[in-house]
Amino acid sequence: MKRVGFRRSPGEYNRLVRVKTSITLPEELLARLDRLGPNRSASLERAALSYLARLEREQRDRRDIAIINRHARRLNRGAQETLEYQKLP
């Protein structure tokens, strides 16, 4: 495998190691990528990073909701007690 680096912008060197790979994509997708700019690899990298970040965020949100749901009765009871305490006389 050939490892390559590339510049994100003039004068800026991206020190992350790259691994050259080959994938097969539909022509229409490649045409859309080409309309974004001359660097398909950079476009695909940004898209993959964004997609992975979304999946990780969704996974984290599901985990957080499960934790909240496990403790919902206690949390709701505490909230209700607070509201009752704050009632005006």
N, C-alpha and C. Protein backbone atom coordinates (compact mmCIF):
# COMPACT_ATOMS: atom_id res chain seq x y z
N MET A 1 0.84 -1.18 0.00
CA MET A 1 0.00 0.00 0.00
C MET A 1 0.88 1.24 0.00
N LYS A 2 0.56 2.14 -0.86
CA LYS A 2 1.31 3.38 -0.94
C LYS A 2 0.68 4.42 -0.03
N ARG A 3 1.46 5.04 0.84
CA ARG A 3 0.96 6.07 1.74
C ARG A 3 1.31 7.43 1.17
N VAL A 4 0.32 8.29 1.12
CA VAL A 4 0.54 9.62 0.55
C VAL A 4 -0.03 10.68 1.46
N GLY A 5 0.54 11.87 1.41
CA GLY A 5 0.00 13.04 2.11
C GLY A 5 -0.45 14.04 1.06
N PHE A 6 -1.32 14.96 1.42
CA PHE A 6 -1.71 15.97 0.46
C PHE A 6 -1.92 17.29 1.18
N ARG A 7 -1.93 18.36 0.43
CA ARG A 7 -2.12 19.69 1.00
C ARG A 7 -3.60 20.05 0.96
N ARG A 8 -4.10 20.52 2.12
CA ARG A 8 -5.49 20.97 2.18
C ARG A 8 -5.63 22.34 1.54
N SER A 9 -4.68 23.20 1.79
CA SER A 9 -4.68 24.53 1.20
C SER A 9 -3.24 24.90 0.93
N PRO A 10 -3.02 25.90 0.11
CA PRO A 10 -1.63 26.27 -0.21
C PRO A 10 -0.81 26.53 1.05
N GLY A 11 0.33 25.89 1.15
CA GLY A 11 1.23 26.10 2.27
C GLY A 11 0.91 25.29 3.51
N GLU A 12 -0.21 24.59 3.53
CA GLU A 12 -0.57 23.80 4.71
C GLU A 12 -0.39 22.33 4.39
N TYR A 13 0.46 21.67 5.15
CA TYR A 13 0.70 20.25 4.94
C TYR A 13 -0.08 19.45 5.97
N ASN A 14 -0.85 18.52 5.49
CA ASN A 14 -1.62 17.66 6.36
C ASN A 14 -0.74 16.48 6.74
N ARG A 15 -0.38 16.37 8.02
CA ARG A 15 0.58 15.35 8.47
C ARG A 15 -0.05 13.97 8.68
N LEU A 16 -1.37 13.86 8.54
CA LEU A 16 -1.99 12.56 8.72
C LEU A 16 -1.56 11.64 7.59
N VAL A 17 -1.28 10.41 7.92
CA VAL A 17 -0.85 9.44 6.92
C VAL A 17 -2.06 8.98 6.14
N ARG A 18 -1.93 8.91 4.87
CA ARG A 18 -2.99 8.45 3.97
C ARG A 18 -2.62 7.08 3.42
N VAL A 19 -3.61 6.26 3.18
CA VAL A 19 -3.41 4.96 2.55
C VAL A 19 -4.16 4.99 1.23
N LYS A 20 -3.47 4.73 0.16
CA LYS A 20 -4.10 4.74 -1.14
C LYS A 20 -4.98 3.51 -1.28
N THR A 21 -6.20 3.73 -1.78
CA THR A 21 -7.15 2.63 -1.95
C THR A 21 -7.92 2.83 -3.25
N SER A 22 -8.65 1.84 -3.64
CA SER A 22 -9.44 1.92 -4.86
C SER A 22 -10.87 1.50 -4.53
N ILE A 23 -11.85 2.31 -5.00
CA ILE A 23 -13.25 1.97 -4.79
C ILE A 23 -13.99 2.16 -6.12
N THR A 24 -15.12 1.53 -6.22
CA THR A 24 -15.95 1.65 -7.42
C THR A 24 -17.20 2.42 -7.04
N LEU A 25 -17.47 3.51 -7.79
CA LEU A 25 -18.62 4.36 -7.51
C LEU A 25 -19.41 4.58 -8.80
N PRO A 26 -20.70 4.87 -8.67
CA PRO A 26 -21.50 5.17 -9.85
C PRO A 26 -21.01 6.45 -10.54
N GLU A 27 -21.17 6.51 -11.87
CA GLU A 27 -20.72 7.67 -12.64
C GLU A 27 -21.36 8.96 -12.15
N GLU A 28 -22.66 8.92 -11.83
CA GLU A 28 -23.36 10.13 -11.40
C GLU A 28 -22.76 10.67 -10.11
N LEU A 29 -22.38 9.78 -9.19
CA LEU A 29 -21.76 10.22 -7.95
C LEU A 29 -20.41 10.88 -8.22
N LEU A 30 -19.63 10.29 -9.11
CA LEU A 30 -18.34 10.89 -9.47
C LEU A 30 -18.54 12.26 -10.13
N ALA A 31 -19.55 12.38 -10.96
CA ALA A 31 -19.83 13.67 -11.60
C ALA A 31 -20.18 14.71 -10.55
N ARG A 32 -20.98 14.32 -9.57
CA ARG A 32 -21.34 15.26 -8.50
C ARG A 32 -20.12 15.65 -7.68
N LEU A 33 -19.24 14.68 -7.41
CA LEU A 33 -18.00 14.98 -6.68
C LEU A 33 -17.13 15.95 -7.47
N ASP A 34 -17.04 15.73 -8.77
CA ASP A 34 -16.21 16.58 -9.61
C ASP A 34 -16.74 18.02 -9.64
N ARG A 35 -18.05 18.19 -9.51
CA ARG A 35 -18.61 19.55 -9.49
C ARG A 35 -18.24 20.28 -8.19
N LEU A 36 -17.92 19.53 -7.14
CA LEU A 36 -17.54 20.16 -5.87
C LEU A 36 -16.14 20.75 -5.91
N GLY A 37 -15.28 20.15 -6.70
CA GLY A 37 -13.91 20.63 -6.77
C GLY A 37 -13.01 19.59 -7.41
N PRO A 38 -11.76 19.94 -7.60
CA PRO A 38 -10.85 19.06 -8.32
C PRO A 38 -10.32 17.88 -7.50
N ASN A 39 -10.49 17.91 -6.18
CA ASN A 39 -9.89 16.87 -5.35
C ASN A 39 -10.96 15.92 -4.83
N ARG A 40 -11.20 14.84 -5.57
CA ARG A 40 -12.20 13.85 -5.16
C ARG A 40 -11.87 13.25 -3.80
N SER A 41 -10.61 12.95 -3.58
CA SER A 41 -10.22 12.33 -2.31
C SER A 41 -10.59 13.20 -1.12
N ALA A 42 -10.32 14.49 -1.22
CA ALA A 42 -10.64 15.40 -0.13
C ALA A 42 -12.16 15.47 0.08
N SER A 43 -12.91 15.51 -1.02
CA SER A 43 -14.37 15.55 -0.91
C SER A 43 -14.91 14.29 -0.27
N LEU A 44 -14.40 13.14 -0.69
CA LEU A 44 -14.85 11.87 -0.11
C LEU A 44 -14.44 11.75 1.36
N GLU A 45 -13.25 12.25 1.68
CA GLU A 45 -12.80 12.21 3.07
C GLU A 45 -13.71 13.06 3.96
N ARG A 46 -14.01 14.28 3.50
CA ARG A 46 -14.91 15.14 4.28
C ARG A 46 -16.28 14.50 4.45
N ALA A 47 -16.80 13.91 3.38
CA ALA A 47 -18.11 13.27 3.44
C ALA A 47 -18.09 12.08 4.41
N ALA A 48 -17.05 11.27 4.35
CA ALA A 48 -16.94 10.11 5.24
C ALA A 48 -16.82 10.56 6.70
N LEU A 49 -16.00 11.58 6.95
CA LEU A 49 -15.85 12.08 8.32
C LEU A 49 -17.16 12.63 8.86
N SER A 50 -17.88 13.35 8.01
CA SER A 50 -19.16 13.91 8.43
C SER A 50 -20.17 12.80 8.72
N TYR A 51 -20.22 11.81 7.85
CA TYR A 51 -21.14 10.69 8.01
C TYR A 51 -20.81 9.90 9.28
N LEU A 52 -19.54 9.62 9.50
CA LEU A 52 -19.13 8.88 10.69
C LEU A 52 -19.43 9.67 11.96
N ALA A 53 -19.21 10.97 11.92
CA ALA A 53 -19.52 11.82 13.08
C ALA A 53 -21.02 11.76 13.39
N ARG A 54 -21.85 11.78 12.33
CA ARG A 54 -23.30 11.70 12.54
C ARG A 54 -23.68 10.35 13.15
N LEU A 55 -23.11 9.26 12.64
CA LEU A 55 -23.41 7.93 13.20
C LEU A 55 -22.98 7.84 14.65
N GLU A 56 -21.80 8.37 14.96
CA GLU A 56 -21.31 8.34 16.34
C GLU A 56 -22.19 9.18 17.26
N ARG A 57 -22.64 10.34 16.77
CA ARG A 57 -23.52 11.21 17.55
C ARG A 57 -24.86 10.52 17.80
N GLU A 58 -25.41 9.87 16.78
CA GLU A 58 -26.67 9.15 16.94
C GLU A 58 -26.53 8.00 17.94
N GLN A 59 -25.42 7.30 17.86
CA GLN A 59 -25.16 6.21 18.81
C GLN A 59 -25.06 6.74 20.24
N ARG A 60 -24.35 7.85 20.41
CA ARG A 60 -24.21 8.47 21.72
C ARG A 60 -25.56 8.94 22.25
N ASP A 61 -26.37 9.54 21.35
CA ASP A 61 -27.70 10.01 21.75
C ASP A 61 -28.58 8.84 22.19
N ARG A 62 -28.54 7.72 21.45
CA ARG A 62 -29.33 6.54 21.84
C ARG A 62 -28.90 6.03 23.21
N ARG A 63 -27.59 6.02 23.44
CA ARG A 63 -27.06 5.56 24.74
C ARG A 63 -27.52 6.50 25.86
N ASP A 64 -27.46 7.82 25.61
CA ASP A 64 -27.89 8.79 26.61
C ASP A 64 -29.38 8.66 26.91
N ILE A 65 -30.19 8.47 25.86
CA ILE A 65 -31.64 8.32 26.06
C ILE A 65 -31.93 7.07 26.87
N ALA A 66 -31.21 6.00 26.60
CA ALA A 66 -31.41 4.76 27.37
C ALA A 66 -31.10 4.99 28.84
N ILE A 67 -30.04 5.73 29.13
CA ILE A 67 -29.68 6.04 30.53
C ILE A 67 -30.77 6.89 31.17
N ILE A 68 -31.22 7.92 30.47
CA ILE A 68 -32.28 8.78 31.00
C ILE A 68 -33.55 7.98 31.25
N ASN A 69 -33.90 7.12 30.30
CA ASN A 69 -35.12 6.31 30.46
C ASN A 69 -35.02 5.37 31.66
N ARG A 70 -33.83 4.82 31.90
CA ARG A 70 -33.66 3.93 33.06
C ARG A 70 -33.87 4.67 34.37
N HIS A 71 -33.60 5.96 34.38
CA HIS A 71 -33.71 6.75 35.60
C HIS A 71 -34.87 7.74 35.56
N ALA A 72 -35.79 7.57 34.61
CA ALA A 72 -36.86 8.54 34.39
C ALA A 72 -37.73 8.76 35.62
N ARG A 73 -38.15 7.69 36.29
CA ARG A 73 -39.02 7.87 37.46
C ARG A 73 -38.36 8.73 38.52
N ARG A 74 -37.11 8.41 38.83
CA ARG A 74 -36.40 9.18 39.86
C ARG A 74 -36.20 10.62 39.41
N LEU A 75 -35.84 10.83 38.17
CA LEU A 75 -35.64 12.19 37.66
C LEU A 75 -36.94 12.98 37.65
N ASN A 76 -38.02 12.34 37.22
CA ASN A 76 -39.32 13.02 37.20
C ASN A 76 -39.79 13.34 38.62
N ARG A 77 -39.57 12.43 39.55
CA ARG A 77 -39.94 12.67 40.94
C ARG A 77 -39.17 13.87 41.49
N GLY A 78 -37.90 13.92 41.22
CA GLY A 78 -37.08 15.05 41.66
C GLY A 78 -37.54 16.36 41.05
N ALA A 79 -37.89 16.34 39.77
CA ALA A 79 -38.38 17.55 39.11
C ALA A 79 -39.71 17.98 39.72
N GLN A 80 -40.59 17.01 39.98
CA GLN A 80 -41.89 17.33 40.57
C GLN A 80 -41.71 17.94 41.97
N GLU A 81 -40.81 17.38 42.75
CA GLU A 81 -40.54 17.92 44.08
C GLU A 81 -40.03 19.35 44.00
N THR A 82 -39.19 19.62 43.03
CA THR A 82 -38.67 20.97 42.85
C THR A 82 -39.78 21.94 42.48
N LEU A 83 -40.66 21.53 41.57
CA LEU A 83 -41.77 22.38 41.17
C LEU A 83 -42.71 22.66 42.35
N GLU A 84 -42.98 21.65 43.15
CA GLU A 84 -43.84 21.84 44.31
C GLU A 84 -43.19 22.78 45.32
N TYR A 85 -41.89 22.67 45.49
CA TYR A 85 -41.17 23.54 46.43
C TYR A 85 -41.23 25.00 45.98
N GLN A 86 -41.23 25.20 44.64
CA GLN A 86 -41.19 26.56 44.09
C GLN A 86 -42.55 27.22 43.98
N LYS A 87 -43.63 26.50 44.31
CA LYS A 87 -44.98 27.08 44.23
C LYS A 87 -45.07 28.29 45.14
N LEU A 88 -45.79 29.26 44.65
CA LEU A 88 -46.03 30.47 45.45
C LEU A 88 -47.04 30.16 46.55
N PRO A 89 -46.87 30.74 47.75
CA PRO A 89 -47.81 30.48 48.85
C PRO A 89 -49.19 31.03 48.56
